[in-house]
N, C-alpha and C. Protein backbone atom coordinates (compact mmCIF):
# COMPACT_ATOMS: atom_id res chain seq x y z
N SER A 1 -7.58 0.51 21.74
CA SER A 1 -8.41 -0.13 21.42
C SER A 1 -8.59 -0.71 19.63
N SER A 2 -8.17 -1.32 19.45
CA SER A 2 -8.99 -2.13 18.13
C SER A 2 -8.96 -3.43 17.72
N TYR A 3 -9.14 -3.75 16.47
CA TYR A 3 -10.10 -4.64 16.17
C TYR A 3 -10.05 -4.62 15.26
N LEU A 4 -9.53 -6.29 14.39
CA LEU A 4 -8.95 -6.67 13.07
C LEU A 4 -9.91 -7.99 12.69
N ASP A 5 -10.89 -7.54 11.39
CA ASP A 5 -11.50 -8.54 11.23
C ASP A 5 -10.64 -9.49 10.02
N LYS A 6 -10.82 -10.30 10.47
CA LYS A 6 -10.17 -11.86 9.89
C LYS A 6 -11.04 -12.40 8.43
N LYS A 7 -12.55 -12.04 9.22
CA LYS A 7 -13.07 -12.86 7.62
C LYS A 7 -13.19 -11.74 6.53
N ALA A 8 -12.96 -10.34 6.95
CA ALA A 8 -12.91 -9.65 5.47
C ALA A 8 -11.96 -9.96 4.56
N SER A 9 -12.99 -9.42 2.86
CA SER A 9 -12.24 -10.22 1.88
C SER A 9 -11.91 -9.50 1.21
N SER A 10 -11.03 -9.43 0.32
CA SER A 10 -9.65 -8.16 -0.70
C SER A 10 -11.04 -7.40 -1.87
N GLY A 11 -10.79 -6.43 -2.10
CA GLY A 11 -12.13 -5.91 -3.18
C GLY A 11 -13.81 -5.55 -2.22
N LYS A 12 -13.63 -6.23 -1.21
CA LYS A 12 -15.16 -5.56 -0.96
C LYS A 12 -15.30 -4.63 -0.05
N LYS A 13 -16.45 -3.93 0.94
CA LYS A 13 -16.51 -2.57 1.37
C LYS A 13 -16.82 -3.00 2.27
N TYR A 14 -16.64 -2.15 3.57
CA TYR A 14 -17.48 -2.98 4.61
C TYR A 14 -16.98 -1.60 5.56
N VAL A 15 -18.43 -1.84 6.86
CA VAL A 15 -18.67 -0.73 7.02
C VAL A 15 -19.50 -1.26 8.80
N TYR A 16 -18.60 -0.57 9.90
CA TYR A 16 -18.23 -0.78 11.23
C TYR A 16 -19.18 0.60 11.98
N MET A 17 -19.29 -0.02 13.42
CA MET A 17 -19.81 1.51 13.87
C MET A 17 -19.40 0.65 15.35
N VAL A 18 -19.24 1.85 16.09
CA VAL A 18 -18.42 1.56 17.43
C VAL A 18 -19.52 2.03 18.61
N LYS A 19 -19.69 1.17 19.55
CA LYS A 19 -21.03 1.48 20.26
C LYS A 19 -20.53 1.38 21.40
N GLY A 20 -20.96 1.91 22.55
CA GLY A 20 -20.53 1.35 23.92
C GLY A 20 -21.15 0.95 24.86
N PHE A 21 -20.60 0.19 25.67
CA PHE A 21 -21.58 0.27 26.72
C PHE A 21 -20.94 0.47 27.71
N ARG A 22 -21.52 -0.04 28.96
CA ARG A 22 -21.34 0.08 30.82
C ARG A 22 -22.32 -1.04 31.32
N TYR A 23 -21.96 -2.24 31.84
CA TYR A 23 -22.76 -3.44 32.27
C TYR A 23 -23.57 -3.42 31.18
N ASP A 24 -25.40 -3.32 31.15
CA ASP A 24 -26.14 -3.79 30.47
C ASP A 24 -26.93 -2.40 29.79
N ILE A 25 -26.04 -1.52 30.00
CA ILE A 25 -26.53 0.00 29.38
C ILE A 25 -25.82 0.14 27.98
N ALA A 26 -26.64 0.24 27.17
CA ALA A 26 -25.72 0.48 25.64
C ALA A 26 -25.43 2.00 25.31
N GLY A 27 -24.72 2.46 25.07
CA GLY A 27 -24.45 4.26 24.65
C GLY A 27 -25.03 4.42 23.64
N PRO A 28 -25.23 4.89 22.80
CA PRO A 28 -25.48 6.09 21.93
C PRO A 28 -24.50 5.13 20.48
N ASN A 29 -25.31 5.48 19.99
CA ASN A 29 -24.45 4.72 18.46
C ASN A 29 -23.48 5.59 17.88
N GLY A 30 -22.41 5.05 17.77
CA GLY A 30 -20.73 6.30 17.50
C GLY A 30 -20.87 6.37 15.87
N ALA A 31 -20.30 6.94 15.28
CA ALA A 31 -19.89 7.19 14.37
C ALA A 31 -19.37 6.13 12.73
N GLU A 32 -20.34 5.72 12.13
CA GLU A 32 -19.89 4.48 10.87
C GLU A 32 -18.87 5.23 10.40
N LYS A 33 -17.83 4.26 10.59
CA LYS A 33 -16.58 3.75 9.48
C LYS A 33 -16.40 3.23 8.35
N THR A 34 -17.05 3.26 6.94
CA THR A 34 -16.62 2.44 5.40
C THR A 34 -15.16 2.24 5.68
N ILE A 35 -15.00 1.15 5.50
CA ILE A 35 -13.85 1.07 5.02
C ILE A 35 -13.51 0.09 3.56
N ARG A 36 -12.57 0.30 2.84
CA ARG A 36 -12.16 -1.14 1.24
C ARG A 36 -11.16 -1.96 1.78
N ARG A 37 -11.27 -3.02 1.79
CA ARG A 37 -9.64 -3.59 2.32
C ARG A 37 -9.21 -4.37 0.61
N LEU A 38 -8.44 -3.80 0.10
CA LEU A 38 -7.27 -4.00 -0.65
C LEU A 38 -6.32 -5.52 -0.95
N LYS A 39 -6.15 -6.06 -1.75
CA LYS A 39 -5.08 -6.93 -1.64
C LYS A 39 -3.79 -6.30 -1.86
N ASN A 40 -2.78 -7.09 -0.52
CA ASN A 40 -1.49 -6.52 -1.36
C ASN A 40 -1.19 -6.74 -2.69
N VAL A 41 -0.27 -5.56 -2.97
CA VAL A 41 0.25 -5.91 -4.39
C VAL A 41 1.26 -7.09 -4.40
N SER A 42 1.04 -8.09 -5.90
CA SER A 42 2.00 -9.06 -5.61
C SER A 42 2.23 -9.05 -7.15
N LYS A 43 3.46 -10.30 -7.22
CA LYS A 43 4.21 -10.83 -8.70
C LYS A 43 5.41 -9.46 -9.51
N VAL A 44 5.47 -8.72 -8.00
CA VAL A 44 6.90 -7.52 -8.34
C VAL A 44 7.82 -8.01 -9.27
N LYS A 45 7.93 -7.23 -10.46
CA LYS A 45 9.23 -7.71 -10.95
C LYS A 45 10.17 -6.84 -11.64
N VAL A 46 11.41 -7.08 -12.20
CA VAL A 46 12.03 -5.96 -12.13
C VAL A 46 12.55 -5.68 -13.58
N ARG A 47 12.13 -4.73 -14.58
CA ARG A 47 11.35 -4.91 -15.75
C ARG A 47 12.96 -4.50 -16.62
N LYS A 48 13.62 -3.41 -15.97
CA LYS A 48 15.39 -2.85 -16.17
C LYS A 48 15.69 -1.94 -15.06
N LYS A 49 17.04 -2.36 -15.41
CA LYS A 49 17.92 -1.44 -13.96
C LYS A 49 19.00 -0.55 -15.13
N THR A 50 19.62 0.09 -14.01
CA THR A 50 20.59 1.05 -14.64
C THR A 50 21.42 1.71 -13.45
N LYS A 51 22.47 2.41 -13.33
CA LYS A 51 23.11 2.71 -12.42
C LYS A 51 22.26 3.90 -11.43
N LYS A 52 21.22 4.26 -12.67
CA LYS A 52 19.95 5.69 -12.33
C LYS A 52 18.98 5.24 -12.52
N THR A 53 18.48 4.24 -12.59
CA THR A 53 17.42 3.93 -13.08
C THR A 53 16.80 2.76 -12.64
N LEU A 54 14.95 2.77 -12.27
CA LEU A 54 14.69 1.01 -12.23
C LEU A 54 13.21 1.57 -12.56
N THR A 55 12.47 0.46 -13.56
CA THR A 55 11.78 0.31 -13.94
C THR A 55 11.27 -1.11 -12.73
N LEU A 56 9.90 -1.03 -12.66
CA LEU A 56 9.37 -1.88 -11.97
C LEU A 56 7.48 -2.43 -12.37
N SER A 57 7.53 -3.47 -12.69
CA SER A 57 5.52 -3.74 -12.48
C SER A 57 5.11 -4.91 -11.74
N TRP A 58 3.95 -5.18 -11.87
CA TRP A 58 3.70 -5.79 -10.85
C TRP A 58 2.19 -5.62 -11.19
N LYS A 59 1.39 -7.20 -10.99
CA LYS A 59 -0.05 -7.69 -11.35
C LYS A 59 -0.82 -6.20 -10.86
N LYS A 60 -2.06 -5.97 -11.83
CA LYS A 60 -2.72 -5.07 -11.41
C LYS A 60 -3.82 -5.79 -10.46
N GLY A 61 -4.20 -4.67 -9.57
CA GLY A 61 -4.83 -5.06 -8.56
C GLY A 61 -6.39 -4.86 -8.61
N ARG A 62 -7.20 -5.49 -8.33
CA ARG A 62 -8.90 -5.50 -8.75
C ARG A 62 -9.32 -4.38 -7.21
N LYS A 63 -9.69 -3.42 -8.29
CA LYS A 63 -10.29 -2.32 -7.78
C LYS A 63 -9.44 -1.49 -7.11
N ALA A 64 -8.23 -1.11 -7.42
CA ALA A 64 -7.24 -0.37 -7.03
C ALA A 64 -7.16 0.47 -8.46
N THR A 65 -6.83 2.18 -7.77
CA THR A 65 -6.98 2.97 -8.84
C THR A 65 -5.81 3.90 -8.44
N GLY A 66 -4.80 2.79 -8.09
CA GLY A 66 -3.37 3.38 -7.97
C GLY A 66 -2.61 3.03 -6.63
N TYR A 67 -1.28 3.07 -7.57
CA TYR A 67 -0.60 2.86 -6.46
C TYR A 67 0.43 3.59 -5.77
N GLU A 68 1.46 3.20 -4.94
CA GLU A 68 2.43 3.76 -3.83
C GLU A 68 3.79 3.25 -4.49
N ILE A 69 4.47 3.50 -4.42
CA ILE A 69 6.04 2.72 -4.05
C ILE A 69 6.69 3.87 -3.13
N ARG A 70 7.41 3.38 -2.53
CA ARG A 70 8.21 4.09 -1.03
C ARG A 70 9.17 3.15 -1.72
N TYR A 71 10.51 4.64 -1.64
CA TYR A 71 12.05 3.21 -1.29
C TYR A 71 13.11 4.44 -1.14
N SER A 72 14.32 3.36 -1.04
CA SER A 72 15.40 3.92 0.20
C SER A 72 16.40 3.33 -0.48
N PHE A 73 17.97 4.57 0.12
CA PHE A 73 18.80 3.55 -0.57
C PHE A 73 19.35 2.85 1.23
N SER A 74 18.77 2.86 1.87
CA SER A 74 19.08 2.39 3.77
C SER A 74 18.05 1.00 3.60
N LYS A 75 19.05 0.20 4.15
CA LYS A 75 17.84 -1.39 4.54
C LYS A 75 16.81 -0.97 5.24
N SER A 76 17.45 0.22 6.58
CA SER A 76 16.07 1.05 7.73
C SER A 76 15.05 1.69 6.72
N MET A 77 15.26 2.11 5.75
CA MET A 77 14.13 2.95 5.09
C MET A 77 13.65 4.46 6.10
N LYS A 78 14.56 4.68 6.30
CA LYS A 78 14.70 6.19 7.42
C LYS A 78 14.02 7.56 6.49
N LYS A 79 15.09 7.48 5.46
CA LYS A 79 15.18 8.27 4.59
C LYS A 79 14.29 7.96 3.12
N LYS A 80 13.53 7.82 3.24
CA LYS A 80 12.65 7.13 2.19
C LYS A 80 11.76 8.53 0.98
N ASN A 81 11.70 8.14 -0.24
CA ASN A 81 11.14 8.95 -1.11
C ASN A 81 9.73 7.98 -1.15
N LEU A 82 8.63 8.84 -1.43
CA LEU A 82 7.26 8.44 -1.23
C LEU A 82 6.89 8.81 -3.39
N VAL A 83 6.50 8.38 -4.55
CA VAL A 83 6.30 8.16 -5.84
C VAL A 83 4.94 7.50 -5.96
N ALA A 84 3.53 8.02 -6.62
CA ALA A 84 1.75 8.16 -6.82
C ALA A 84 2.09 7.49 -8.19
N VAL A 85 1.60 6.16 -8.39
CA VAL A 85 1.42 6.57 -10.08
C VAL A 85 0.03 5.66 -10.03
N ALA A 86 -0.90 5.76 -11.52
CA ALA A 86 -1.87 5.53 -11.66
C ALA A 86 -1.58 4.11 -12.44
N ALA A 87 -0.50 4.15 -12.87
CA ALA A 87 -1.15 2.25 -14.04
C ALA A 87 0.28 1.51 -12.66
N ASN A 88 0.10 -0.05 -13.14
CA ASN A 88 0.54 -1.13 -13.01
C ASN A 88 2.32 -1.13 -13.10
N LYS A 89 2.47 0.10 -13.64
CA LYS A 89 4.45 0.02 -13.44
C LYS A 89 4.90 1.18 -13.56
N ALA A 90 6.30 1.98 -13.07
CA ALA A 90 6.95 2.80 -12.84
C ALA A 90 8.22 2.73 -13.26
N THR A 91 8.57 3.97 -13.54
CA THR A 91 10.48 4.34 -14.02
C THR A 91 11.04 4.90 -11.93
N LEU A 92 11.68 4.73 -11.26
CA LEU A 92 12.71 5.15 -10.66
C LEU A 92 13.15 5.98 -11.14
N LYS A 93 13.66 7.54 -11.05
CA LYS A 93 14.53 8.04 -12.40
C LYS A 93 15.95 8.43 -10.81
N GLY A 94 16.58 8.90 -11.07
CA GLY A 94 17.87 10.05 -9.90
C GLY A 94 18.70 8.83 -9.16
N LEU A 95 18.27 7.62 -9.61
CA LEU A 95 18.86 7.24 -7.78
C LEU A 95 20.33 6.80 -7.48
N LYS A 96 20.87 7.15 -6.25
CA LYS A 96 21.73 7.15 -6.34
C LYS A 96 22.38 5.54 -5.08
N GLY A 97 23.27 5.26 -4.97
CA GLY A 97 23.58 4.51 -4.29
C GLY A 97 24.02 2.54 -5.22
N LYS A 98 24.19 2.02 -4.02
CA LYS A 98 25.10 0.53 -4.65
C LYS A 98 23.26 -0.17 -4.74
N TYR A 99 22.58 -0.20 -3.30
CA TYR A 99 21.20 -0.73 -3.91
C TYR A 99 19.79 -0.12 -3.58
N CYS A 100 19.17 -0.76 -3.87
CA CYS A 100 17.78 0.41 -3.54
C CYS A 100 17.08 -0.55 -3.19
N TYR A 101 16.24 -0.34 -1.95
CA TYR A 101 14.59 -0.85 -1.28
C TYR A 101 13.85 -0.16 -1.59
N TYR A 102 12.66 -1.58 -1.94
CA TYR A 102 11.67 -0.75 -2.64
C TYR A 102 10.25 -1.26 -1.63
N GLN A 103 8.99 -1.03 -1.86
CA GLN A 103 8.02 -1.46 -1.17
C GLN A 103 6.75 -0.69 -1.95
N ILE A 104 5.90 -1.15 -1.93
CA ILE A 104 4.48 -1.18 -3.05
C ILE A 104 3.27 -1.14 -2.34
N ARG A 105 2.47 0.09 -2.68
CA ARG A 105 1.21 -0.72 -2.03
C ARG A 105 -0.04 0.00 -3.07
N ALA A 106 -1.28 -0.99 -2.96
CA ALA A 106 -2.65 -0.98 -4.23
C ALA A 106 -3.27 0.40 -3.49
N ILE A 107 -3.71 1.75 -4.11
CA ILE A 107 -4.59 2.74 -3.17
C ILE A 107 -5.92 2.58 -4.20
N CYS A 108 -7.07 2.87 -3.49
CA CYS A 108 -8.52 3.05 -3.90
C CYS A 108 -8.90 4.21 -3.71
N LYS A 109 -9.82 4.88 -4.76
CA LYS A 109 -10.58 6.45 -4.16
C LYS A 109 -11.73 6.27 -5.08
N ASP A 110 -12.53 6.31 -3.99
CA ASP A 110 -13.78 6.94 -4.40
C ASP A 110 -14.65 7.55 -4.03
N GLY A 111 -15.92 7.77 -3.61
CA GLY A 111 -16.58 8.84 -3.17
C GLY A 111 -16.26 8.76 -1.75
N THR A 112 -15.87 7.84 -1.20
CA THR A 112 -16.14 8.09 0.49
C THR A 112 -15.52 8.17 0.56
N GLY A 113 -14.11 7.94 0.38
CA GLY A 113 -12.43 8.21 1.37
C GLY A 113 -11.30 7.78 0.41
N SER A 114 -10.35 7.43 0.97
CA SER A 114 -8.79 6.54 0.14
C SER A 114 -8.86 5.79 1.30
N TYR A 115 -8.32 4.56 0.23
CA TYR A 115 -8.00 3.45 0.95
C TYR A 115 -6.68 2.62 -0.12
N HIS A 116 -6.21 1.94 1.30
CA HIS A 116 -4.70 1.54 0.59
C HIS A 116 -4.70 -0.46 1.14
N SER A 117 -3.75 -0.85 0.56
CA SER A 117 -3.57 -2.05 1.37
C SER A 117 -2.39 -1.61 1.83
N ASP A 118 -2.09 -2.96 2.24
CA ASP A 118 -1.05 -2.98 3.33
C ASP A 118 1.00 -3.12 2.16
N TRP A 119 1.38 -2.34 3.18
CA TRP A 119 2.76 -2.29 2.09
C TRP A 119 3.10 -3.78 1.83
N SER A 120 4.02 -4.11 1.15
CA SER A 120 4.24 -5.04 -0.23
C SER A 120 6.04 -5.53 0.78
N GLY A 121 6.19 -6.63 0.90
CA GLY A 121 7.22 -6.80 1.64
C GLY A 121 8.78 -6.25 0.95
N LYS A 122 9.71 -5.94 2.15
CA LYS A 122 10.70 -4.78 1.22
C LYS A 122 11.82 -5.84 0.56
N GLN A 123 11.68 -5.17 -1.11
CA GLN A 123 12.47 -5.84 -1.65
C GLN A 123 14.10 -4.97 -2.30
N LYS A 124 14.91 -5.71 -1.72
CA LYS A 124 16.82 -4.99 -2.19
C LYS A 124 16.44 -5.61 -3.98
N VAL A 125 17.51 -4.05 -4.30
CA VAL A 125 17.67 -4.51 -5.64
C VAL A 125 18.94 -4.16 -6.18
N LYS A 126 19.95 -4.56 -6.69
CA LYS A 126 21.58 -4.38 -6.89
C LYS A 126 21.15 -3.32 -8.22
N LEU A 127 21.85 -1.71 -7.84
CA LEU A 127 22.23 -1.06 -8.55
C LEU A 127 22.52 -0.99 -10.10
N GLY A 128 22.67 -0.82 -11.26
CA GLY A 128 23.60 -0.93 -11.86
C GLY A 128 23.55 -2.30 -12.98
N LYS A 129 25.13 -1.99 -14.06
CA LYS A 129 24.14 -3.11 -14.73
C LYS A 129 25.13 -4.98 -14.62
């Protein structure tokens, strides 16, 4: 079973606890789960592209301590590569193929764990000049 908190806003930390019920009898308290909600990465721009490299930049996310980029040369992204970066820009090197598909998400690491936003929408770039 799952729960979606529609009122949660980005950049804030939330603590959830699950408690079981049977009829009107409450079970013991479950373990607490702390979650930090992060905004999706926005305003992604292609700064430079050649046949073998691609330079991307995006708007810095509030509370984000890093970012992950996954990219592939197939539309289905079955064979994907994952790159972790600390800044809000990255250069992907050693690319091959006619097109490159990529997605980016924000990462936040603090003392209680590691949290991430959803992946951005899949973008397609034609490689070469």
